[in-house]
Amino acid sequence: REQMPELEDYDPALAKRNPTPALLQRFDESCAHIRHSGLKDEARQQLEMKLRDSWQWVEAKNEAFGNEVCDTVQETRELEI
C-alpha cells in the first residue's frame, strides 16, 4: 500500500499513476535468480492479488471524491403573473 498514490481530491488521470506494472516488473527482476518456477509463480500471484486489492481501494476512494458535491448554487426565477 505504501506504493499506491495518496489521494486528497479526485484525479481524472488516476490510471496513469497505477504502480502495479512497475512493481510486478521489479518483482520479476528481483526473483530472476530463483529457479523454482512454482514458488515464483505462487508468490507473484499473491503479490498481484494484493496489488489489485490495493488499487481497487484507491480507485474506490477516487470515485468517492469524484462523486462528492463541492458546491451548490441556489437559483431564483421571476414569474410574471
Protein backbone atom coordinates (compact mmCIF):
# COMPACT_ATOMS: atom_id res chain seq x y z
CA ARG A 1 0.00 0.00 0.00
CA GLU A 2 2.93 2.35 0.51
CA GLN A 3 3.49 2.41 -3.25
CA MET A 4 -0.10 3.37 -4.05
CA PRO A 5 -0.82 7.04 -4.78
CA GLU A 6 -2.22 9.13 -1.94
CA LEU A 7 -5.36 10.98 -2.91
CA GLU A 8 -6.65 14.20 -1.41
CA ASP A 9 -9.05 15.00 -4.24
CA TYR A 10 -10.45 13.47 -7.42
CA ASP A 11 -7.80 12.60 -10.00
CA PRO A 12 -9.21 12.17 -13.54
CA ALA A 13 -5.86 10.72 -14.72
CA LEU A 14 -5.54 8.21 -11.88
CA ALA A 15 -4.96 5.24 -14.21
CA LYS A 16 -1.63 6.76 -15.27
CA ARG A 17 -0.47 6.62 -11.64
CA ASN A 18 -1.08 2.87 -11.24
CA PRO A 19 2.21 1.43 -9.91
CA THR A 20 1.20 -2.21 -10.44
CA PRO A 21 3.07 -2.89 -13.73
CA ALA A 22 6.29 -1.33 -12.43
CA LEU A 23 6.06 -3.23 -9.14
CA LEU A 24 5.46 -6.54 -10.91
CA GLN A 25 8.42 -5.88 -13.20
CA ARG A 26 10.59 -5.10 -10.18
CA PHE A 27 9.42 -8.34 -8.55
CA ASP A 28 10.31 -10.31 -11.68
CA GLU A 29 13.77 -8.74 -11.81
CA SER A 30 14.36 -9.38 -8.11
CA CYS A 31 13.33 -13.02 -8.40
CA ALA A 32 15.08 -13.78 -11.68
CA HIS A 33 17.75 -15.78 -9.87
CA ILE A 34 15.18 -18.16 -8.31
CA ARG A 35 14.92 -21.33 -10.39
CA HIS A 36 11.86 -22.88 -8.74
CA SER A 37 9.17 -21.55 -11.08
CA GLY A 38 6.26 -22.87 -8.99
CA LEU A 39 7.44 -20.92 -5.98
CA LYS A 40 7.93 -17.74 -8.03
CA ASP A 41 4.52 -18.12 -9.68
CA GLU A 42 2.76 -18.55 -6.35
CA ALA A 43 4.50 -15.52 -4.85
CA ARG A 44 3.72 -13.44 -7.94
CA GLN A 45 0.05 -14.42 -7.83
CA GLN A 46 -0.16 -13.38 -4.17
CA LEU A 47 1.53 -10.08 -4.98
CA GLU A 48 -0.83 -9.50 -7.91
CA MET A 49 -3.86 -10.11 -5.66
CA LYS A 50 -2.58 -7.70 -3.01
CA LEU A 51 -1.78 -5.05 -5.62
CA ARG A 52 -5.17 -5.50 -7.28
CA ASP A 53 -6.97 -5.14 -3.94
CA SER A 54 -4.95 -2.05 -3.02
CA TRP A 55 -5.52 -0.48 -6.44
CA GLN A 56 -9.26 -1.14 -6.26
CA TRP A 57 -9.30 0.63 -2.89
CA VAL A 58 -7.54 3.65 -4.44
CA GLU A 59 -9.99 3.64 -7.37
CA ALA A 60 -12.96 3.49 -5.00
CA LYS A 61 -11.58 6.41 -3.00
CA ASN A 62 -11.06 8.38 -6.22
CA GLU A 63 -14.62 7.58 -7.30
CA ALA A 64 -15.94 8.80 -3.95
CA PHE A 65 -14.01 12.05 -4.34
CA GLY A 66 -15.42 12.41 -7.86
CA ASN A 67 -18.99 11.96 -6.64
CA GLU A 68 -18.59 14.46 -3.81
CA VAL A 69 -20.66 17.61 -4.07
CA CYS A 70 -18.26 20.55 -4.00
CA ASP A 71 -20.71 23.42 -4.02
CA THR A 72 -24.32 24.22 -4.65
CA VAL A 73 -25.94 27.21 -6.25
CA GLN A 74 -29.41 28.45 -5.45
CA GLU A 75 -31.31 29.71 -8.45
CA THR A 76 -34.26 32.06 -8.37
CA ARG A 77 -36.73 32.75 -11.09
CA GLU A 78 -39.06 35.67 -11.56
CA LEU A 79 -42.55 34.80 -12.74
CA GLU A 80 -44.87 37.24 -14.46
CA ILE A 81 -48.44 36.84 -13.34
